Amino acid sequence: MESLAGSAWSSGVALTDLTSAGLKVPCLARLRLATIPNELIIRTIGELGGSDRKQLDIVLRQITAT
């Protein structure tokens, strides 16, 4: 995720539920597809809230439909 100060991508979604996501500053979620080994994940800081998850689902469906 990236701070809102960064450049905007067409797939960027401004997160609205910062508390659930464990974030302290407004951020964008940008869709990138990658395979990351579990050993590289150090810890979880939060999870996306329902409305943020729905917005990302919409963007993902738009991207994969083309």
PDB file of N, CA and C in Angstrom:
ATOM      1  N   MET A   1       0.840  -1.156   0.000  1.00  0.00           N
ATOM      2  CA  MET A   1       0.000   0.000   0.000  1.00  0.00           C
ATOM      3  C   MET A   1       0.891   1.227   0.000  1.00  0.00           C
ATOM      4  N   GLU A   2       0.354   2.290  -0.483  1.00  0.00           N
ATOM      5  CA  GLU A   2       1.153   3.485  -0.641  1.00  0.00           C
ATOM      6  C   GLU A   2       0.416   4.677  -0.070  1.00  0.00           C
ATOM      7  N   SER A   3       1.164   5.628   0.448  1.00  0.00           N
ATOM      8  CA  SER A   3       0.584   6.858   0.956  1.00  0.00           C
ATOM      9  C   SER A   3      -0.142   7.585  -0.166  1.00  0.00           C
ATOM     10  N   LEU A   4      -1.148   8.358   0.180  1.00  0.00           N
ATOM     11  CA  LEU A   4      -1.892   9.119  -0.831  1.00  0.00           C
ATOM     12  C   LEU A   4      -1.023  10.170  -1.505  1.00  0.00           C
ATOM     13  N   ALA A   5       0.148  10.468  -0.955  1.00  0.00           N
ATOM     14  CA  ALA A   5       1.038  11.459  -1.553  1.00  0.00           C
ATOM     15  C   ALA A   5       1.670  10.936  -2.836  1.00  0.00           C
ATOM     16  N   GLY A   6       1.668   9.624  -3.049  1.00  0.00           N
ATOM     17  CA  GLY A   6       2.262   9.024  -4.246  1.00  0.00           C
ATOM     18  C   GLY A   6       1.412   9.257  -5.478  1.00  0.00           C
ATOM     19  N   SER A   7       1.931   8.850  -6.634  1.00  0.00           N
ATOM     20  CA  SER A   7       1.179   9.010  -7.881  1.00  0.00           C
ATOM     21  C   SER A   7      -0.004   8.042  -7.916  1.00  0.00           C
ATOM     22  N   ALA A   8      -1.054   8.443  -8.618  1.00  0.00           N
ATOM     23  CA  ALA A   8      -2.267   7.624  -8.681  1.00  0.00           C
ATOM     24  C   ALA A   8      -2.220   6.663  -9.866  1.00  0.00           C
ATOM     25  N   TRP A   9      -2.536   5.417  -9.627  1.00  0.00           N
ATOM     26  CA  TRP A   9      -2.707   4.420 -10.678  1.00  0.00           C
ATOM     27  C   TRP A   9      -4.192   4.301 -10.934  1.00  0.00           C
ATOM     28  N   SER A  10      -4.548   3.816 -12.112  1.00  0.00           N
ATOM     29  CA  SER A  10      -5.971   3.637 -12.401  1.00  0.00           C
ATOM     30  C   SER A  10      -6.587   2.574 -11.496  1.00  0.00           C
ATOM     31  N   SER A  11      -5.785   1.642 -11.003  1.00  0.00           N
ATOM     32  CA  SER A  11      -6.309   0.591 -10.131  1.00  0.00           C
ATOM     33  C   SER A  11      -6.175   0.941  -8.650  1.00  0.00           C
ATOM     34  N   GLY A  12      -5.708   2.137  -8.330  1.00  0.00           N
ATOM     35  CA  GLY A  12      -5.543   2.522  -6.934  1.00  0.00           C
ATOM     36  C   GLY A  12      -6.887   2.803  -6.276  1.00  0.00           C
ATOM     37  N   VAL A  13      -7.061   2.286  -5.072  1.00  0.00           N
ATOM     38  CA  VAL A  13      -8.291   2.504  -4.301  1.00  0.00           C
ATOM     39  C   VAL A  13      -7.902   3.144  -2.981  1.00  0.00           C
ATOM     40  N   ALA A  14      -8.452   4.328  -2.713  1.00  0.00           N
ATOM     41  CA  ALA A  14      -8.192   4.997  -1.439  1.00  0.00           C
ATOM     42  C   ALA A  14      -8.893   4.222  -0.326  1.00  0.00           C
ATOM     43  N   LEU A  15      -8.145   3.798   0.663  1.00  0.00           N
ATOM     44  CA  LEU A  15      -8.725   3.025   1.766  1.00  0.00           C
ATOM     45  C   LEU A  15      -9.448   3.959   2.722  1.00  0.00           C
ATOM     46  N   THR A  16     -10.620   3.534   3.185  1.00  0.00           N
ATOM     47  CA  THR A  16     -11.435   4.359   4.062  1.00  0.00           C
ATOM     48  C   THR A  16     -11.439   3.862   5.504  1.00  0.00           C
ATOM     49  N   ASP A  17     -11.184   2.577   5.715  1.00  0.00           N
ATOM     50  CA  ASP A  17     -11.185   1.999   7.066  1.00  0.00           C
ATOM     51  C   ASP A  17      -9.738   1.762   7.492  1.00  0.00           C
ATOM     52  N   LEU A  18      -9.074   2.838   7.880  1.00  0.00           N
ATOM     53  CA  LEU A  18      -7.659   2.747   8.240  1.00  0.00           C
ATOM     54  C   LEU A  18      -7.430   1.923   9.496  1.00  0.00           C
ATOM     55  N   THR A  19      -8.341   2.003  10.447  1.00  0.00           N
ATOM     56  CA  THR A  19      -8.189   1.279  11.709  1.00  0.00           C
ATOM     57  C   THR A  19      -8.153  -0.229  11.478  1.00  0.00           C
ATOM     58  N   SER A  20      -9.099  -0.765  10.715  1.00  0.00           N
ATOM     59  CA  SER A  20      -9.118  -2.213  10.441  1.00  0.00           C
ATOM     60  C   SER A  20      -7.863  -2.659   9.711  1.00  0.00           C
ATOM     61  N   ALA A  21      -7.373  -1.800   8.823  1.00  0.00           N
ATOM     62  CA  ALA A  21      -6.197  -2.148   8.036  1.00  0.00           C
ATOM     63  C   ALA A  21      -4.902  -1.961   8.833  1.00  0.00           C
ATOM     64  N   GLY A  22      -4.992  -1.393  10.035  1.00  0.00           N
ATOM     65  CA  GLY A  22      -3.805  -1.191  10.857  1.00  0.00           C
ATOM     66  C   GLY A  22      -2.933  -0.046  10.357  1.00  0.00           C
ATOM     67  N   LEU A  23      -3.547   0.913   9.687  1.00  0.00           N
ATOM     68  CA  LEU A  23      -2.807   2.023   9.099  1.00  0.00           C
ATOM     69  C   LEU A  23      -3.019   3.304   9.893  1.00  0.00           C
ATOM     70  N   LYS A  24      -2.001   4.173   9.883  1.00  0.00           N
ATOM     71  CA  LYS A  24      -2.078   5.430  10.626  1.00  0.00           C
ATOM     72  C   LYS A  24      -2.273   6.633   9.718  1.00  0.00           C
ATOM     73  N   VAL A  25      -1.990   6.472   8.434  1.00  0.00           N
ATOM     74  CA  VAL A  25      -2.136   7.573   7.481  1.00  0.00           C
ATOM     75  C   VAL A  25      -2.968   7.097   6.297  1.00  0.00           C
ATOM     76  N   PRO A  26      -3.671   8.015   5.612  1.00  0.00           N
ATOM     77  CA  PRO A  26      -4.450   7.627   4.433  1.00  0.00           C
ATOM     78  C   PRO A  26      -3.569   6.960   3.385  1.00  0.00           C
ATOM     79  N   CYS A  27      -4.051   5.856   2.815  1.00  0.00           N
ATOM     80  CA  CYS A  27      -3.271   5.076   1.867  1.00  0.00           C
ATOM     81  C   CYS A  27      -4.108   4.621   0.682  1.00  0.00           C
ATOM     82  N   LEU A  28      -3.396   4.257  -0.373  1.00  0.00           N
ATOM     83  CA  LEU A  28      -4.005   3.635  -1.544  1.00  0.00           C
ATOM     84  C   LEU A  28      -3.641   2.165  -1.557  1.00  0.00           C
ATOM     85  N   ALA A  29      -4.569   1.334  -1.957  1.00  0.00           N
ATOM     86  CA  ALA A  29      -4.261  -0.069  -2.227  1.00  0.00           C
ATOM     87  C   ALA A  29      -4.138  -0.184  -3.741  1.00  0.00           C
ATOM     88  N   ARG A  30      -3.026  -0.712  -4.204  1.00  0.00           N
ATOM     89  CA  ARG A  30      -2.808  -0.899  -5.634  1.00  0.00           C
ATOM     90  C   ARG A  30      -2.708  -2.389  -5.903  1.00  0.00           C
ATOM     91  N   LEU A  31      -3.364  -2.812  -6.960  1.00  0.00           N
ATOM     92  CA  LEU A  31      -3.396  -4.234  -7.277  1.00  0.00           C
ATOM     93  C   LEU A  31      -2.132  -4.648  -8.019  1.00  0.00           C
ATOM     94  N   ARG A  32      -1.452  -5.611  -7.444  1.00  0.00           N
ATOM     95  CA  ARG A  32      -0.293  -6.236  -8.067  1.00  0.00           C
ATOM     96  C   ARG A  32      -0.391  -7.728  -7.772  1.00  0.00           C
ATOM     97  N   LEU A  33      -0.201  -8.528  -8.781  1.00  0.00           N
ATOM     98  CA  LEU A  33      -0.292  -9.969  -8.605  1.00  0.00           C
ATOM     99  C   LEU A  33       1.106 -10.527  -8.402  1.00  0.00           C
ATOM    100  N   ALA A  34       1.298 -11.221  -7.294  1.00  0.00           N
ATOM    101  CA  ALA A  34       2.605 -11.787  -6.985  1.00  0.00           C
ATOM    102  C   ALA A  34       2.420 -13.016  -6.105  1.00  0.00           C
ATOM    103  N   THR A  35       3.385 -13.892  -6.167  1.00  0.00           N
ATOM    104  CA  THR A  35       3.430 -15.044  -5.276  1.00  0.00           C
ATOM    105  C   THR A  35       4.544 -14.791  -4.270  1.00  0.00           C
ATOM    106  N   ILE A  36       4.177 -14.745  -3.001  1.00  0.00           N
ATOM    107  CA  ILE A  36       5.149 -14.460  -1.947  1.00  0.00           C
ATOM    108  C   ILE A  36       5.196 -15.656  -1.002  1.00  0.00           C
ATOM    109  N   PRO A  37       6.370 -16.219  -0.786  1.00  0.00           N
ATOM    110  CA  PRO A  37       6.477 -17.337   0.153  1.00  0.00           C
ATOM    111  C   PRO A  37       6.067 -16.906   1.566  1.00  0.00           C
ATOM    112  N   ASN A  38       5.365 -17.765   2.265  1.00  0.00           N
ATOM    113  CA  ASN A  38       4.913 -17.457   3.633  1.00  0.00           C
ATOM    114  C   ASN A  38       6.063 -17.059   4.550  1.00  0.00           C
ATOM    115  N   GLU A  39       7.256 -17.596   4.323  1.00  0.00           N
ATOM    116  CA  GLU A  39       8.399 -17.291   5.178  1.00  0.00           C
ATOM    117  C   GLU A  39       8.775 -15.809   5.119  1.00  0.00           C
ATOM    118  N   LEU A  40       8.401 -15.130   4.049  1.00  0.00           N
ATOM    119  CA  LEU A  40       8.744 -13.717   3.905  1.00  0.00           C
ATOM    120  C   LEU A  40       7.749 -12.780   4.586  1.00  0.00           C
ATOM    121  N   ILE A  41       6.619 -13.317   5.005  1.00  0.00           N
ATOM    122  CA  ILE A  41       5.622 -12.502   5.702  1.00  0.00           C
ATOM    123  C   ILE A  41       5.980 -12.493   7.179  1.00  0.00           C
ATOM    124  N   ILE A  42       6.356 -11.327   7.676  1.00  0.00           N
ATOM    125  CA  ILE A  42       6.833 -11.208   9.053  1.00  0.00           C
ATOM    126  C   ILE A  42       5.678 -11.153  10.038  1.00  0.00           C
ATOM    127  N   ARG A  43       4.674 -10.314   9.731  1.00  0.00           N
ATOM    128  CA  ARG A  43       3.520 -10.200  10.626  1.00  0.00           C
ATOM    129  C   ARG A  43       2.364  -9.549   9.876  1.00  0.00           C
ATOM    130  N   THR A  44       1.189  -9.653  10.428  1.00  0.00           N
ATOM    131  CA  THR A  44       0.005  -9.016   9.881  1.00  0.00           C
ATOM    132  C   THR A  44      -0.305  -7.802  10.734  1.00  0.00           C
ATOM    133  N   ILE A  45      -0.551  -6.661  10.097  1.00  0.00           N
ATOM    134  CA  ILE A  45      -0.863  -5.455  10.878  1.00  0.00           C
ATOM    135  C   ILE A  45      -2.358  -5.177  10.930  1.00  0.00           C
ATOM    136  N   GLY A  46      -3.123  -5.816  10.073  1.00  0.00           N
ATOM    137  CA  GLY A  46      -4.573  -5.611  10.038  1.00  0.00           C
ATOM    138  C   GLY A  46      -5.154  -6.294   8.822  1.00  0.00           C
ATOM    139  N   GLU A  47      -6.402  -6.005   8.538  1.00  0.00           N
ATOM    140  CA  GLU A  47      -7.042  -6.549   7.339  1.00  0.00           C
ATOM    141  C   GLU A  47      -7.974  -5.490   6.772  1.00  0.00           C
ATOM    142  N   LEU A  48      -8.244  -5.600   5.496  1.00  0.00           N
ATOM    143  CA  LEU A  48      -9.104  -4.608   4.852  1.00  0.00           C
ATOM    144  C   LEU A  48     -10.517  -4.691   5.393  1.00  0.00           C
ATOM    145  N   GLY A  49     -11.115  -3.535   5.609  1.00  0.00           N
ATOM    146  CA  GLY A  49     -12.509  -3.475   6.026  1.00  0.00           C
ATOM    147  C   GLY A  49     -13.417  -3.886   4.875  1.00  0.00           C
ATOM    148  N   GLY A  50     -14.656  -4.173   5.171  1.00  0.00           N
ATOM    149  CA  GLY A  50     -15.606  -4.665   4.177  1.00  0.00           C
ATOM    150  C   GLY A  50     -15.784  -3.756   2.976  1.00  0.00           C
ATOM    151  N   SER A  51     -15.937  -2.442   3.202  1.00  0.00           N
ATOM    152  CA  SER A  51     -16.154  -1.527   2.077  1.00  0.00           C
ATOM    153  C   SER A  51     -14.902  -1.411   1.208  1.00  0.00           C
ATOM    154  N   ASP A  52     -13.718  -1.421   1.833  1.00  0.00           N
ATOM    155  CA  ASP A  52     -12.468  -1.371   1.064  1.00  0.00           C
ATOM    156  C   ASP A  52     -12.300  -2.649   0.246  1.00  0.00           C
ATOM    157  N   ARG A  53     -12.642  -3.786   0.849  1.00  0.00           N
ATOM    158  CA  ARG A  53     -12.548  -5.061   0.149  1.00  0.00           C
ATOM    159  C   ARG A  53     -13.474  -5.088  -1.072  1.00  0.00           C
ATOM    160  N   LYS A  54     -14.677  -4.548  -0.912  1.00  0.00           N
ATOM    161  CA  LYS A  54     -15.634  -4.509  -2.020  1.00  0.00           C
ATOM    162  C   LYS A  54     -15.117  -3.629  -3.158  1.00  0.00           C
ATOM    163  N   GLN A  55     -14.535  -2.478  -2.818  1.00  0.00           N
ATOM    164  CA  GLN A  55     -13.996  -1.582  -3.842  1.00  0.00           C
ATOM    165  C   GLN A  55     -12.857  -2.248  -4.615  1.00  0.00           C
ATOM    166  N   LEU A  56     -11.980  -2.927  -3.917  1.00  0.00           N
ATOM    167  CA  LEU A  56     -10.875  -3.623  -4.585  1.00  0.00           C
ATOM    168  C   LEU A  56     -11.384  -4.773  -5.438  1.00  0.00           C
ATOM    169  N   ASP A  57     -12.441  -5.434  -4.985  1.00  0.00           N
ATOM    170  CA  ASP A  57     -13.038  -6.520  -5.770  1.00  0.00           C
ATOM    171  C   ASP A  57     -13.584  -5.984  -7.085  1.00  0.00           C
ATOM    172  N   ILE A  58     -14.231  -4.831  -7.037  1.00  0.00           N
ATOM    173  CA  ILE A  58     -14.769  -4.202  -8.258  1.00  0.00           C
ATOM    174  C   ILE A  58     -13.637  -3.893  -9.227  1.00  0.00           C
ATOM    175  N   VAL A  59     -12.556  -3.286  -8.737  1.00  0.00           N
ATOM    176  CA  VAL A  59     -11.430  -2.932  -9.598  1.00  0.00           C
ATOM    177  C   VAL A  59     -10.792  -4.184 -10.179  1.00  0.00           C
ATOM    178  N   LEU A  60     -10.608  -5.224  -9.378  1.00  0.00           N
ATOM    179  CA  LEU A  60     -10.017  -6.470  -9.845  1.00  0.00           C
ATOM    180  C   LEU A  60     -10.868  -7.091 -10.944  1.00  0.00           C
ATOM    181  N   ARG A  61     -12.178  -7.091 -10.758  1.00  0.00           N
ATOM    182  CA  ARG A  61     -13.071  -7.649 -11.784  1.00  0.00           C
ATOM    183  C   ARG A  61     -13.002  -6.845 -13.075  1.00  0.00           C
ATOM    184  N   GLN A  62     -12.875  -5.523 -12.982  1.00  0.00           N
ATOM    185  CA  GLN A  62     -12.750  -4.684 -14.178  1.00  0.00           C
ATOM    186  C   GLN A  62     -11.448  -4.985 -14.923  1.00  0.00           C
ATOM    187  N   ILE A  63     -10.368  -5.153 -14.184  1.00  0.00           N
ATOM    188  CA  ILE A  63      -9.072  -5.409 -14.788  1.00  0.00           C
ATOM    189  C   ILE A  63      -9.046  -6.781 -15.464  1.00  0.00           C
ATOM    190  N   THR A  64      -9.588  -7.775 -14.795  1.00  0.00           N
ATOM    191  CA  THR A  64      -9.531  -9.140 -15.339  1.00  0.00           C
ATOM    192  C   THR A  64     -10.559  -9.388 -16.433  1.00  0.00           C
ATOM    193  N   ALA A  65     -11.539  -8.492 -16.579  1.00  0.00           N
ATOM    194  CA  ALA A  65     -12.558  -8.660 -17.610  1.00  0.00           C
ATOM    195  C   ALA A  65     -12.048  -8.213 -18.986  1.00  0.00           C
ATOM    196  N   THR A  66     -10.940  -7.494 -19.010  1.00  0.00           N
ATOM    197  CA  THR A  66     -10.432  -6.978 -20.288  1.00  0.00           C
ATOM    198  C   THR A  66      -9.434  -7.921 -20.914  1.00  0.00           C
TER     199      THR A  66
END
